[in-house]
C-alpha atoms as a PDB file:
ATOM      1  CA  MET A   1     -34.031  -5.541 -80.054  1.00  0.00           C
ATOM      2  CA  MET A   2     -32.520  -7.730 -77.341  1.00  0.00           C
ATOM      3  CA  ILE A   3     -34.226  -5.757 -74.533  1.00  0.00           C
ATOM      4  CA  THR A   4     -37.571  -5.778 -76.382  1.00  0.00           C
ATOM      5  CA  THR A   5     -37.417  -9.546 -76.894  1.00  0.00           C
ATOM      6  CA  PHE A   6     -36.499 -10.119 -73.235  1.00  0.00           C
ATOM      7  CA  CYS A   7     -39.317  -7.854 -71.937  1.00  0.00           C
ATOM      8  CA  SER A   8     -41.920  -9.384 -74.227  1.00  0.00           C
ATOM      9  CA  SER A   9     -40.948 -12.911 -73.177  1.00  0.00           C
ATOM     10  CA  MET A  10     -41.135 -11.907 -69.475  1.00  0.00           C
ATOM     11  CA  MET A  11     -44.614 -10.446 -70.071  1.00  0.00           C
ATOM     12  CA  ILE A  12     -45.699 -13.683 -71.802  1.00  0.00           C
ATOM     13  CA  THR A  13     -44.387 -15.792 -68.900  1.00  0.00           C
ATOM     14  CA  THR A  14     -46.269 -13.615 -66.364  1.00  0.00           C
ATOM     15  CA  PHE A  15     -49.423 -13.718 -68.472  1.00  0.00           C
ATOM     16  CA  CYS A  16     -49.289 -17.521 -68.846  1.00  0.00           C
ATOM     17  CA  SER A  17     -48.668 -18.110 -65.132  1.00  0.00           C
ATOM     18  CA  ARG A  18     -51.554 -15.815 -64.168  1.00  0.00           C
ATOM     19  CA  LYS A  19     -53.890 -17.524 -66.615  1.00  0.00           C
ATOM     20  CA  MET A  20     -52.924 -20.955 -65.244  1.00  0.00           C
ATOM     21  CA  THR A  21     -53.546 -19.774 -61.638  1.00  0.00           C
ATOM     22  CA  THR A  22     -56.891 -18.167 -62.517  1.00  0.00           C
ATOM     23  CA  THR A  23     -58.261 -21.045 -64.567  1.00  0.00           C
ATOM     24  CA  PHE A  24     -57.199 -23.759 -62.086  1.00  0.00           C
ATOM     25  CA  PHE A  25     -60.243 -23.058 -59.896  1.00  0.00           C
ATOM     26  CA  SER A  26     -62.720 -23.091 -62.805  1.00  0.00           C
ATOM     27  CA  SER A  27     -64.213 -26.235 -64.337  1.00  0.00           C
ATOM     28  CA  MET A  28     -62.010 -28.963 -65.853  1.00  0.00           C
ATOM     29  CA  MET A  29     -63.186 -28.512 -69.426  1.00  0.00           C
ATOM     30  CA  SER A  30     -62.616 -24.728 -69.440  1.00  0.00           C
ATOM     31  CA  THR A  31     -59.162 -25.297 -67.910  1.00  0.00           C
ATOM     32  CA  PHE A  32     -58.304 -27.697 -70.720  1.00  0.00           C
ATOM     33  CA  CYS A  33     -59.502 -25.239 -73.386  1.00  0.00           C
ATOM     34  CA  THR A  34     -57.645 -22.317 -71.784  1.00  0.00           C
ATOM     35  CA  CYS A  35     -54.434 -24.339 -71.460  1.00  0.00           C
ATOM     36  CA  MET A  36     -54.644 -25.354 -75.108  1.00  0.00           C
ATOM     37  CA  ILE A  37     -55.046 -21.670 -76.095  1.00  0.00           C
ATOM     38  CA  ILE A  38     -52.078 -20.688 -73.889  1.00  0.00           C
ATOM     39  CA  ALA A  39     -49.954 -23.527 -75.315  1.00  0.00           C
ATOM     40  CA  THR A  40     -50.773 -22.405 -78.865  1.00  0.00           C
ATOM     41  CA  PHE A  41     -49.985 -18.805 -77.947  1.00  0.00           C
ATOM     42  CA  CYS A  42     -46.659 -19.782 -76.339  1.00  0.00           C
ATOM     43  CA  SER A  43     -45.615 -21.983 -79.273  1.00  0.00           C
ATOM     44  CA  SER A  44     -46.275 -19.115 -81.699  1.00  0.00           C
ATOM     45  CA  MET A  45     -44.244 -16.805 -79.447  1.00  0.00           C
ATOM     46  CA  MET A  46     -41.428 -19.385 -79.467  1.00  0.00           C
ATOM     47  CA  ILE A  47     -41.370 -19.288 -83.290  1.00  0.00           C
ATOM     48  CA  THR A  48     -41.374 -15.452 -83.184  1.00  0.00           C
ATOM     49  CA  THR A  49     -38.546 -15.426 -80.619  1.00  0.00           C
ATOM     50  CA  PHE A  50     -36.551 -17.895 -82.706  1.00  0.00           C
ATOM     51  CA  CYS A  51     -36.975 -15.788 -85.879  1.00  0.00           C
ATOM     52  CA  SER A  52     -36.085 -12.560 -84.081  1.00  0.00           C
ATOM     53  CA  SER A  53     -33.016 -14.218 -82.547  1.00  0.00           C
ATOM     54  CA  ARG A  54     -31.895 -15.291 -86.032  1.00  0.00           C
ATOM     55  CA  MET A  55     -32.319 -11.691 -87.212  1.00  0.00           C
ATOM     56  CA  ILE A  56     -30.335 -10.374 -84.245  1.00  0.00           C
ATOM     57  CA  THR A  57     -27.627 -12.966 -84.866  1.00  0.00           C
ATOM     58  CA  SER A  58     -27.364 -11.973 -88.523  1.00  0.00           C
ATOM     59  CA  PHE A  59     -27.420  -8.254 -87.689  1.00  0.00           C
ATOM     60  CA  TYR A  60     -24.881  -8.231 -84.830  1.00  0.00           C
ATOM     61  CA  SER A  61     -23.028 -11.502 -85.705  1.00  0.00           C
ATOM     62  CA  SER A  62     -21.636 -11.740 -82.200  1.00  0.00           C
ATOM     63  CA  MET A  63     -21.413 -14.713 -79.824  1.00  0.00           C
ATOM     64  CA  MET A  64     -23.030 -12.715 -77.046  1.00  0.00           C
ATOM     65  CA  SER A  65     -26.319 -12.049 -78.853  1.00  0.00           C
ATOM     66  CA  THR A  66     -26.417 -15.649 -80.164  1.00  0.00           C
ATOM     67  CA  THR A  67     -26.083 -17.072 -76.626  1.00  0.00           C
ATOM     68  CA  PHE A  68     -28.747 -14.718 -75.257  1.00  0.00           C
ATOM     69  CA  CYS A  69     -31.256 -15.552 -78.008  1.00  0.00           C
ATOM     70  CA  SER A  70     -30.714 -19.305 -77.742  1.00  0.00           C
ATOM     71  CA  ARG A  71     -31.256 -19.134 -73.966  1.00  0.00           C
ATOM     72  CA  MET A  72     -34.512 -17.213 -74.459  1.00  0.00           C
ATOM     73  CA  THR A  73     -35.698 -19.807 -77.024  1.00  0.00           C
ATOM     74  CA  ILE A  74     -34.883 -22.700 -74.674  1.00  0.00           C
ATOM     75  CA  THR A  75     -36.701 -20.940 -71.777  1.00  0.00           C
ATOM     76  CA  THR A  76     -39.819 -20.374 -73.902  1.00  0.00           C
ATOM     77  CA  PHE A  77     -39.752 -23.986 -75.138  1.00  0.00           C
ATOM     78  CA  CYS A  78     -39.428 -25.377 -71.589  1.00  0.00           C
ATOM     79  CA  SER A  79     -42.322 -23.273 -70.295  1.00  0.00           C
ATOM     80  CA  SER A  80     -44.567 -24.453 -73.144  1.00  0.00           C
ATOM     81  CA  MET A  81     -43.575 -28.082 -72.412  1.00  0.00           C
ATOM     82  CA  MET A  82     -44.483 -27.576 -68.735  1.00  0.00           C
ATOM     83  CA  MET A  83     -47.896 -26.205 -69.744  1.00  0.00           C
ATOM     84  CA  ALA A  84     -48.476 -29.110 -72.143  1.00  0.00           C
ATOM     85  CA  THR A  85     -47.640 -31.602 -69.348  1.00  0.00           C
ATOM     86  CA  PHE A  86     -50.018 -29.795 -66.983  1.00  0.00           C
ATOM     87  CA  CYS A  87     -52.838 -29.897 -69.566  1.00  0.00           C
ATOM     88  CA  SER A  88     -52.339 -33.619 -70.265  1.00  0.00           C
ATOM     89  CA  SER A  89     -52.372 -34.431 -66.528  1.00  0.00           C
ATOM     90  CA  MET A  90     -55.607 -32.423 -66.146  1.00  0.00           C
ATOM     91  CA  MET A  91     -57.133 -34.440 -69.015  1.00  0.00           C
ATOM     92  CA  ILE A  92     -56.147 -37.741 -67.372  1.00  0.00           C
ATOM     93  CA  THR A  93     -57.596 -36.577 -64.026  1.00  0.00           C
ATOM     94  CA  THR A  94     -60.876 -35.559 -65.684  1.00  0.00           C
ATOM     95  CA  PHE A  95     -61.102 -38.876 -67.553  1.00  0.00           C
ATOM     96  CA  CYS A  96     -60.473 -40.931 -64.400  1.00  0.00           C
ATOM     97  CA  SER A  97     -63.041 -39.024 -62.334  1.00  0.00           C
ATOM     98  CA  SER A  98     -65.669 -39.359 -65.080  1.00  0.00           C
ATOM     99  CA  SER A  99     -64.961 -43.115 -65.289  1.00  0.00           C
ATOM    100  CA  ILE A 100     -65.458 -43.476 -61.529  1.00  0.00           C
ATOM    101  CA  ILE A 101     -68.750 -41.544 -61.693  1.00  0.00           C
ATOM    102  CA  ALA A 102     -69.915 -43.657 -64.666  1.00  0.00           C
ATOM    103  CA  THR A 103     -69.080 -46.871 -62.782  1.00  0.00           C
ATOM    104  CA  PHE A 104     -70.970 -45.630 -59.729  1.00  0.00           C
ATOM    105  CA  TYR A 105     -74.081 -44.768 -61.765  1.00  0.00           C
ATOM    106  CA  SER A 106     -74.016 -48.066 -63.671  1.00  0.00           C
ATOM    107  CA  SER A 107     -73.813 -50.007 -60.392  1.00  0.00           C
ATOM    108  CA  LEU A 108     -76.771 -48.004 -59.066  1.00  0.00           C
ATOM    109  CA  MET A 109     -78.740 -48.825 -62.214  1.00  0.00           C
ATOM    110  CA  ILE A 110     -77.947 -52.540 -61.853  1.00  0.00           C
ATOM    111  CA  THR A 111     -79.006 -52.437 -58.185  1.00  0.00           C
ATOM    112  CA  SER A 112     -82.286 -50.727 -59.104  1.00  0.00           C
ATOM    113  CA  LEU A 113     -82.932 -53.262 -61.853  1.00  0.00           C
ATOM    114  CA  CYS A 114     -82.283 -56.208 -59.522  1.00  0.00           C
ATOM    115  CA  SER A 115     -84.529 -54.807 -56.799  1.00  0.00           C
ATOM    116  CA  SER A 116     -87.354 -54.186 -59.289  1.00  0.00           C
ATOM    117  CA  MET A 117     -86.988 -57.748 -60.587  1.00  0.00           C
ATOM    118  CA  MET A 118     -87.175 -59.068 -57.023  1.00  0.00           C
ATOM    119  CA  ILE A 119     -90.344 -57.055 -56.390  1.00  0.00           C
ATOM    120  CA  THR A 120     -91.874 -58.321 -59.665  1.00  0.00           C
ATOM    121  CA  THR A 121     -91.020 -61.933 -58.781  1.00  0.00           C
ATOM    122  CA  PHE A 122     -92.484 -61.518 -55.306  1.00  0.00           C
ATOM    123  CA  CYS A 123     -95.712 -60.004 -56.682  1.00  0.00           C
ATOM    124  CA  SER A 124     -96.124 -62.720 -59.315  1.00  0.00           C
ATOM    125  CA  SER A 125     -95.548 -65.461 -56.715  1.00  0.00           C
ATOM    126  CA  MET A 126     -98.151 -63.835 -54.467  1.00  0.00           C
ATOM    127  CA  MET A 127    -100.620 -63.787 -57.366  1.00  0.00           C
ATOM    128  CA  ILE A 128     -99.973 -67.483 -58.103  1.00  0.00           C
ATOM    129  CA  THR A 129    -100.410 -68.341 -54.403  1.00  0.00           C
ATOM    130  CA  THR A 130    -103.692 -66.410 -54.245  1.00  0.00           C
ATOM    131  CA  LEU A 131    -104.960 -68.078 -57.414  1.00  0.00           C
ATOM    132  CA  TYR A 132    -104.018 -71.537 -56.111  1.00  0.00           C
ATOM    133  CA  SER A 133    -105.684 -70.965 -52.734  1.00  0.00           C
ATOM    134  CA  SER A 134    -108.884 -69.670 -54.395  1.00  0.00           C
ATOM    135  CA  MET A 135    -108.930 -72.753 -56.615  1.00  0.00           C
ATOM    136  CA  MET A 136    -108.514 -74.996 -53.570  1.00  0.00           C
ATOM    137  CA  ILE A 137    -111.360 -73.218 -51.763  1.00  0.00           C
ATOM    138  CA  THR A 138    -113.610 -73.614 -54.833  1.00  0.00           C
ATOM    139  CA  THR A 139    -112.734 -77.312 -55.110  1.00  0.00           C
ATOM    140  CA  PHE A 140    -113.420 -77.953 -51.426  1.00  0.00           C
ATOM    141  CA  GLY A 141    -116.673 -76.004 -51.698  1.00  0.00           C
ATOM    142  CA  ASN A 142    -117.834 -78.178 -54.611  1.00  0.00           C
ATOM    143  CA  ILE A 143    -116.909 -81.357 -52.750  1.00  0.00           C
ATOM    144  CA  PHE A 144    -118.770 -80.163 -49.657  1.00  0.00           C
ATOM    145  CA  ASN A 145    -121.890 -79.301 -51.711  1.00  0.00           C
ATOM    146  CA  ASN A 146    -121.794 -82.698 -53.413  1.00  0.00           C
ATOM    147  CA  MET A 147    -121.541 -84.417 -50.052  1.00  0.00           C
ATOM    148  CA  LYS A 148    -124.594 -82.517 -48.761  1.00  0.00           C
ATOM    149  CA  THR A 149    -126.683 -83.592 -51.697  1.00  0.00           C
END
């Protein structure tokens, strides 16, 4: 029982480390989902290891098996805590990068809006200038015609 528990925990540790290495180069969201699955898997294995260690302790009732099982439980707990810390840091990194991108896009939108407003103002002022000059030409034309008559 002790050897089986030790081997299974070593296999779980190898599996978790390989999954973390493989999923690190994929997208951030899939990394988060995979890490959450691994953390859930490891926490369930911790409960299984704890229960099996209690059974071994009751069956053998020796200090040696109790020490071995408690060390295995602590090792499994620490590895799951490390994975949880890694997942939370990945979430913070993803959130910060998305905030920077959102700020960049919003500033681009504001710049586009301001430039379009400047163009609109320029066009409307040109229209007013054209209208005013045409009115002046018409007025001077009427005055000139009246003077001729």
